[in-house]
Amino acid sequence: MKTLTLINGNNQPYTINLPKIIMLTKSINDTALAHITENTGLQFTFTGWGYEAQPTNGEQIAALFLTYNFKTRYYNNAQQKNTLYLKFDHHVGFDVDSICFDCCQENHINTNGLKPGDRLAC
């Protein structure tokens, strides 16, 4: 497996393996999975969190991002080690500039002192 050498906040290099990828979805049709595999070589299997794969080279990750649009979140901490979580974008993530207070509350987003009538920038 390929590794990545990155620079931390203290300007020190560190090396990590390519992250495990988890698509956070309860179901994805076989045609879409086959399309991903054909384009990336990644074999996603269903787990309790969604569909999981371990890339062996960075080209697979690049091809995945060129195959479908995803929202991403990367974690590398005590609970979630070197894991890239993906959600299908559905064009919402880039089209929204702000959300209303009620939407924040409905989606359990910390409002940090916002009140009704305020908007949270995305």
N, C-alpha and C. Protein backbone atom coordinates (compact mmCIF):
# COMPACT_ATOMS: atom_id res chain seq x y z
N MET A 1 0.84 -1.18 0.00
CA MET A 1 0.00 0.00 0.00
C MET A 1 0.89 1.24 0.00
N LYS A 2 0.48 2.22 -0.78
CA LYS A 2 1.18 3.51 -0.82
C LYS A 2 0.96 4.26 0.49
N THR A 3 1.87 5.16 0.80
CA THR A 3 1.74 6.03 1.97
C THR A 3 1.78 7.48 1.53
N LEU A 4 1.37 8.36 2.42
CA LEU A 4 1.42 9.79 2.18
C LEU A 4 2.32 10.42 3.24
N THR A 5 3.17 11.33 2.83
CA THR A 5 3.95 12.11 3.77
C THR A 5 3.40 13.52 3.74
N LEU A 6 2.91 13.95 4.90
CA LEU A 6 2.28 15.26 5.04
C LEU A 6 3.08 16.11 6.03
N ILE A 7 2.74 17.37 6.14
CA ILE A 7 3.38 18.28 7.08
C ILE A 7 2.36 18.67 8.13
N ASN A 8 2.69 18.51 9.42
CA ASN A 8 1.74 18.86 10.47
C ASN A 8 1.79 20.36 10.79
N GLY A 9 1.01 20.80 11.76
CA GLY A 9 0.94 22.21 12.12
C GLY A 9 2.23 22.76 12.69
N ASN A 10 3.14 21.90 13.13
CA ASN A 10 4.44 22.33 13.64
C ASN A 10 5.52 22.22 12.58
N ASN A 11 5.10 22.12 11.32
CA ASN A 11 6.01 22.04 10.18
C ASN A 11 6.88 20.79 10.20
N GLN A 12 6.37 19.72 10.80
CA GLN A 12 7.09 18.45 10.87
C GLN A 12 6.45 17.44 9.93
N PRO A 13 7.24 16.72 9.14
CA PRO A 13 6.66 15.71 8.25
C PRO A 13 6.22 14.48 9.06
N TYR A 14 5.15 13.87 8.58
CA TYR A 14 4.70 12.59 9.15
C TYR A 14 4.13 11.75 8.01
N THR A 15 4.16 10.46 8.18
CA THR A 15 3.74 9.53 7.14
C THR A 15 2.54 8.72 7.62
N ILE A 16 1.54 8.60 6.75
CA ILE A 16 0.35 7.79 7.05
C ILE A 16 0.02 6.94 5.84
N ASN A 17 -0.71 5.86 6.09
CA ASN A 17 -1.25 5.04 5.00
C ASN A 17 -2.40 5.79 4.34
N LEU A 18 -2.79 5.36 3.18
CA LEU A 18 -3.99 5.92 2.56
C LEU A 18 -5.18 5.62 3.47
N PRO A 19 -6.13 6.55 3.57
CA PRO A 19 -7.24 6.35 4.50
C PRO A 19 -8.22 5.30 4.01
N LYS A 20 -8.82 4.61 4.98
CA LYS A 20 -9.96 3.75 4.67
C LYS A 20 -11.09 4.68 4.23
N ILE A 21 -11.91 4.25 3.29
CA ILE A 21 -13.03 5.06 2.79
C ILE A 21 -14.34 4.38 3.18
N ILE A 22 -15.23 5.17 3.77
CA ILE A 22 -16.56 4.68 4.10
C ILE A 22 -17.59 5.60 3.47
N MET A 23 -18.44 5.04 2.61
CA MET A 23 -19.57 5.78 2.04
C MET A 23 -20.73 5.62 3.01
N LEU A 24 -21.17 6.72 3.60
CA LEU A 24 -22.25 6.70 4.59
C LEU A 24 -23.59 6.67 3.88
N THR A 25 -24.02 5.49 3.52
CA THR A 25 -25.33 5.30 2.90
C THR A 25 -25.82 3.92 3.28
N LYS A 26 -27.13 3.80 3.47
CA LYS A 26 -27.70 2.51 3.85
C LYS A 26 -27.80 1.55 2.68
N SER A 27 -27.90 2.12 1.49
CA SER A 27 -27.97 1.25 0.32
C SER A 27 -27.47 2.01 -0.91
N ILE A 28 -26.88 1.26 -1.79
CA ILE A 28 -26.44 1.77 -3.08
C ILE A 28 -26.70 0.65 -4.07
N ASN A 29 -27.21 0.98 -5.22
CA ASN A 29 -27.58 -0.11 -6.14
C ASN A 29 -26.35 -0.76 -6.76
N ASP A 30 -26.52 -1.98 -7.21
CA ASP A 30 -25.41 -2.77 -7.76
C ASP A 30 -24.78 -2.11 -8.98
N THR A 31 -25.58 -1.42 -9.78
CA THR A 31 -25.06 -0.74 -10.97
C THR A 31 -24.08 0.36 -10.57
N ALA A 32 -24.45 1.15 -9.55
CA ALA A 32 -23.56 2.22 -9.08
C ALA A 32 -22.27 1.64 -8.50
N LEU A 33 -22.39 0.57 -7.72
CA LEU A 33 -21.19 -0.07 -7.15
C LEU A 33 -20.29 -0.61 -8.26
N ALA A 34 -20.88 -1.22 -9.27
CA ALA A 34 -20.09 -1.74 -10.39
C ALA A 34 -19.42 -0.60 -11.14
N HIS A 35 -20.11 0.52 -11.29
CA HIS A 35 -19.56 1.69 -11.96
C HIS A 35 -18.35 2.22 -11.19
N ILE A 36 -18.45 2.29 -9.86
CA ILE A 36 -17.33 2.73 -9.03
C ILE A 36 -16.16 1.78 -9.17
N THR A 37 -16.42 0.49 -9.09
CA THR A 37 -15.34 -0.51 -9.21
C THR A 37 -14.67 -0.43 -10.57
N GLU A 38 -15.46 -0.28 -11.63
CA GLU A 38 -14.91 -0.20 -12.98
C GLU A 38 -13.98 1.01 -13.13
N ASN A 39 -14.36 2.13 -12.53
CA ASN A 39 -13.58 3.35 -12.67
C ASN A 39 -12.40 3.45 -11.71
N THR A 40 -12.50 2.79 -10.55
CA THR A 40 -11.50 2.99 -9.50
C THR A 40 -10.73 1.74 -9.11
N GLY A 41 -11.32 0.58 -9.34
CA GLY A 41 -10.73 -0.66 -8.85
C GLY A 41 -11.05 -0.92 -7.39
N LEU A 42 -11.77 0.00 -6.75
CA LEU A 42 -12.14 -0.17 -5.35
C LEU A 42 -13.32 -1.14 -5.22
N GLN A 43 -13.20 -2.08 -4.29
CA GLN A 43 -14.27 -3.03 -4.02
C GLN A 43 -14.94 -2.64 -2.71
N PHE A 44 -16.09 -1.98 -2.78
CA PHE A 44 -16.80 -1.57 -1.58
C PHE A 44 -17.67 -2.72 -1.07
N THR A 45 -17.60 -2.96 0.23
CA THR A 45 -18.44 -3.97 0.87
C THR A 45 -19.27 -3.31 1.96
N PHE A 46 -20.47 -3.83 2.18
CA PHE A 46 -21.35 -3.24 3.17
C PHE A 46 -20.91 -3.60 4.57
N THR A 47 -20.87 -2.60 5.46
CA THR A 47 -20.61 -2.80 6.88
C THR A 47 -21.74 -2.11 7.63
N GLY A 48 -21.70 -2.11 8.93
CA GLY A 48 -22.73 -1.45 9.71
C GLY A 48 -22.78 0.06 9.51
N TRP A 49 -21.67 0.67 9.07
CA TRP A 49 -21.61 2.12 8.88
C TRP A 49 -21.97 2.54 7.46
N GLY A 50 -21.90 1.65 6.54
CA GLY A 50 -22.12 1.97 5.13
C GLY A 50 -21.28 1.03 4.29
N TYR A 51 -20.73 1.54 3.20
CA TYR A 51 -19.92 0.74 2.30
C TYR A 51 -18.46 1.15 2.46
N GLU A 52 -17.60 0.16 2.63
CA GLU A 52 -16.21 0.42 3.00
C GLU A 52 -15.24 -0.18 1.99
N ALA A 53 -14.14 0.55 1.74
CA ALA A 53 -13.07 0.05 0.87
C ALA A 53 -11.74 0.62 1.36
N GLN A 54 -10.66 -0.10 1.06
CA GLN A 54 -9.32 0.38 1.38
C GLN A 54 -8.55 0.57 0.08
N PRO A 55 -8.29 1.83 -0.30
CA PRO A 55 -7.52 2.06 -1.52
C PRO A 55 -6.07 1.62 -1.34
N THR A 56 -5.45 1.23 -2.44
CA THR A 56 -4.03 0.85 -2.40
C THR A 56 -3.15 1.90 -3.06
N ASN A 57 -3.77 2.85 -3.78
CA ASN A 57 -3.00 3.95 -4.35
C ASN A 57 -3.88 5.19 -4.47
N GLY A 58 -3.24 6.33 -4.52
CA GLY A 58 -3.95 7.60 -4.56
C GLY A 58 -4.78 7.81 -5.81
N GLU A 59 -4.41 7.15 -6.89
CA GLU A 59 -5.17 7.28 -8.13
C GLU A 59 -6.59 6.76 -7.96
N GLN A 60 -6.78 5.76 -7.11
CA GLN A 60 -8.12 5.24 -6.86
C GLN A 60 -9.00 6.30 -6.19
N ILE A 61 -8.42 7.05 -5.27
CA ILE A 61 -9.17 8.10 -4.58
C ILE A 61 -9.52 9.21 -5.57
N ALA A 62 -8.56 9.62 -6.38
CA ALA A 62 -8.82 10.66 -7.39
C ALA A 62 -9.91 10.21 -8.36
N ALA A 63 -9.84 8.97 -8.82
CA ALA A 63 -10.85 8.46 -9.75
C ALA A 63 -12.23 8.41 -9.10
N LEU A 64 -12.27 8.08 -7.81
CA LEU A 64 -13.55 8.04 -7.10
C LEU A 64 -14.20 9.42 -7.07
N PHE A 65 -13.39 10.46 -6.80
CA PHE A 65 -13.93 11.82 -6.75
C PHE A 65 -14.32 12.33 -8.14
N LEU A 66 -13.76 11.75 -9.18
CA LEU A 66 -14.14 12.14 -10.54
C LEU A 66 -15.31 11.32 -11.07
N THR A 67 -15.71 10.27 -10.33
CA THR A 67 -16.82 9.42 -10.73
C THR A 67 -18.14 9.94 -10.18
N TYR A 68 -18.15 10.35 -8.89
CA TYR A 68 -19.35 10.87 -8.24
C TYR A 68 -18.97 12.08 -7.39
N ASN A 69 -19.94 12.94 -7.12
CA ASN A 69 -19.74 14.07 -6.21
C ASN A 69 -20.05 13.61 -4.79
N PHE A 70 -19.15 13.92 -3.88
CA PHE A 70 -19.32 13.55 -2.48
C PHE A 70 -19.08 14.74 -1.58
N LYS A 71 -19.75 14.76 -0.45
CA LYS A 71 -19.36 15.58 0.68
C LYS A 71 -18.36 14.72 1.44
N THR A 72 -17.33 15.31 2.00
CA THR A 72 -16.30 14.52 2.67
C THR A 72 -16.07 15.00 4.09
N ARG A 73 -15.63 14.07 4.92
CA ARG A 73 -15.18 14.39 6.26
C ARG A 73 -14.09 13.38 6.61
N TYR A 74 -12.93 13.88 7.00
CA TYR A 74 -11.78 13.03 7.33
C TYR A 74 -11.56 13.06 8.83
N TYR A 75 -11.33 11.87 9.41
CA TYR A 75 -11.02 11.76 10.83
C TYR A 75 -9.75 10.94 11.00
N ASN A 76 -8.92 11.37 11.93
CA ASN A 76 -7.75 10.59 12.36
C ASN A 76 -7.53 10.92 13.83
N ASN A 77 -8.32 10.27 14.67
CA ASN A 77 -8.26 10.54 16.10
C ASN A 77 -8.35 9.23 16.88
N ALA A 78 -8.59 9.31 18.17
CA ALA A 78 -8.61 8.11 19.01
C ALA A 78 -9.75 7.16 18.66
N GLN A 79 -10.86 7.69 18.15
CA GLN A 79 -12.01 6.84 17.85
C GLN A 79 -12.06 6.39 16.39
N GLN A 80 -11.67 7.26 15.48
CA GLN A 80 -11.77 6.96 14.05
C GLN A 80 -10.42 7.22 13.41
N LYS A 81 -9.69 6.16 13.21
CA LYS A 81 -8.32 6.26 12.72
C LYS A 81 -8.26 6.34 11.20
N ASN A 82 -7.68 7.41 10.68
CA ASN A 82 -7.36 7.55 9.27
C ASN A 82 -8.50 7.07 8.36
N THR A 83 -9.66 7.70 8.53
CA THR A 83 -10.85 7.30 7.80
C THR A 83 -11.47 8.49 7.08
N LEU A 84 -11.77 8.30 5.81
CA LEU A 84 -12.41 9.32 4.99
C LEU A 84 -13.87 8.90 4.81
N TYR A 85 -14.79 9.70 5.35
CA TYR A 85 -16.22 9.43 5.23
C TYR A 85 -16.77 10.22 4.05
N LEU A 86 -17.62 9.57 3.27
CA LEU A 86 -18.23 10.20 2.10
C LEU A 86 -19.74 10.12 2.19
N LYS A 87 -20.40 11.18 1.76
CA LYS A 87 -21.85 11.19 1.58
C LYS A 87 -22.10 11.67 0.17
N PHE A 88 -23.07 11.10 -0.50
CA PHE A 88 -23.42 11.58 -1.83
C PHE A 88 -23.90 13.01 -1.71
N ASP A 89 -23.43 13.88 -2.60
CA ASP A 89 -23.64 15.32 -2.47
C ASP A 89 -25.04 15.76 -2.86
N HIS A 90 -25.61 15.25 -3.91
CA HIS A 90 -26.92 15.66 -4.41
C HIS A 90 -26.97 17.17 -4.66
N HIS A 91 -25.82 17.79 -4.88
CA HIS A 91 -25.68 19.21 -5.24
C HIS A 91 -26.10 20.18 -4.14
N VAL A 92 -26.41 19.70 -2.94
CA VAL A 92 -26.83 20.60 -1.88
C VAL A 92 -25.65 21.28 -1.22
N GLY A 93 -24.56 20.56 -1.02
CA GLY A 93 -23.44 21.09 -0.27
C GLY A 93 -22.82 22.34 -0.85
N PHE A 94 -22.81 22.49 -2.15
CA PHE A 94 -22.18 23.64 -2.76
C PHE A 94 -23.18 24.72 -3.13
N ASP A 95 -24.45 24.43 -3.13
CA ASP A 95 -25.45 25.39 -3.54
C ASP A 95 -26.01 26.21 -2.39
N VAL A 96 -25.69 25.85 -1.17
CA VAL A 96 -26.25 26.52 -0.01
C VAL A 96 -25.21 27.46 0.59
N ASP A 97 -25.58 28.75 0.72
CA ASP A 97 -24.68 29.73 1.32
C ASP A 97 -24.95 29.91 2.80
N SER A 98 -26.20 29.73 3.22
CA SER A 98 -26.54 29.86 4.63
C SER A 98 -27.82 29.08 4.91
N ILE A 99 -28.03 28.75 6.19
CA ILE A 99 -29.26 28.06 6.60
C ILE A 99 -29.87 28.82 7.78
N CYS A 100 -31.18 28.70 7.91
CA CYS A 100 -31.89 29.45 8.94
C CYS A 100 -31.75 28.77 10.30
N PHE A 101 -32.07 29.50 11.35
CA PHE A 101 -32.00 29.01 12.71
C PHE A 101 -32.81 27.74 12.88
N ASP A 102 -34.05 27.72 12.35
CA ASP A 102 -34.91 26.54 12.49
C ASP A 102 -34.28 25.31 11.86
N CYS A 103 -33.64 25.48 10.70
CA CYS A 103 -32.98 24.35 10.03
C CYS A 103 -31.82 23.83 10.87
N CYS A 104 -31.08 24.74 11.50
CA CYS A 104 -29.99 24.33 12.40
C CYS A 104 -30.53 23.46 13.52
N GLN A 105 -31.60 23.92 14.15
CA GLN A 105 -32.18 23.16 15.25
C GLN A 105 -32.71 21.81 14.78
N GLU A 106 -33.39 21.79 13.64
CA GLU A 106 -33.95 20.55 13.10
C GLU A 106 -32.87 19.52 12.80
N ASN A 107 -31.68 20.00 12.39
CA ASN A 107 -30.59 19.10 12.02
C ASN A 107 -29.53 18.97 13.11
N HIS A 108 -29.85 19.42 14.31
CA HIS A 108 -28.97 19.28 15.49
C HIS A 108 -27.60 19.91 15.25
N ILE A 109 -27.60 21.10 14.65
CA ILE A 109 -26.37 21.85 14.40
C ILE A 109 -26.23 22.88 15.51
N ASN A 110 -25.07 22.92 16.15
CA ASN A 110 -24.82 23.88 17.22
C ASN A 110 -24.98 25.30 16.68
N THR A 111 -25.83 26.09 17.33
CA THR A 111 -26.11 27.44 16.85
C THR A 111 -25.25 28.51 17.50
N ASN A 112 -24.49 28.15 18.51
CA ASN A 112 -23.55 29.09 19.14
C ASN A 112 -24.16 30.47 19.40
N GLY A 113 -25.33 30.49 20.02
CA GLY A 113 -25.93 31.76 20.40
C GLY A 113 -26.83 32.40 19.35
N LEU A 114 -27.01 31.76 18.20
CA LEU A 114 -27.93 32.31 17.21
C LEU A 114 -29.34 32.27 17.76
N LYS A 115 -30.18 33.14 17.27
CA LYS A 115 -31.57 33.18 17.71
C LYS A 115 -32.48 33.17 16.48
N PRO A 116 -33.77 32.90 16.67
CA PRO A 116 -34.69 32.89 15.52
C PRO A 116 -34.53 34.17 14.71
N GLY A 117 -34.50 34.00 13.38
CA GLY A 117 -34.28 35.11 12.45
C GLY A 117 -32.85 35.21 11.99
N ASP A 118 -31.90 34.63 12.76
CA ASP A 118 -30.49 34.62 12.35
C ASP A 118 -30.25 33.52 11.33
N ARG A 119 -29.13 33.63 10.61
CA ARG A 119 -28.75 32.61 9.63
C ARG A 119 -27.32 32.17 9.91
N LEU A 120 -27.05 30.90 9.68
CA LEU A 120 -25.72 30.33 9.85
C LEU A 120 -25.07 30.20 8.47
N ALA A 121 -23.89 30.78 8.30
CA ALA A 121 -23.19 30.66 7.03
C ALA A 121 -22.65 29.24 6.89
N CYS A 122 -22.73 28.72 5.68
CA CYS A 122 -22.23 27.36 5.40
C CYS A 122 -20.83 27.42 4.86
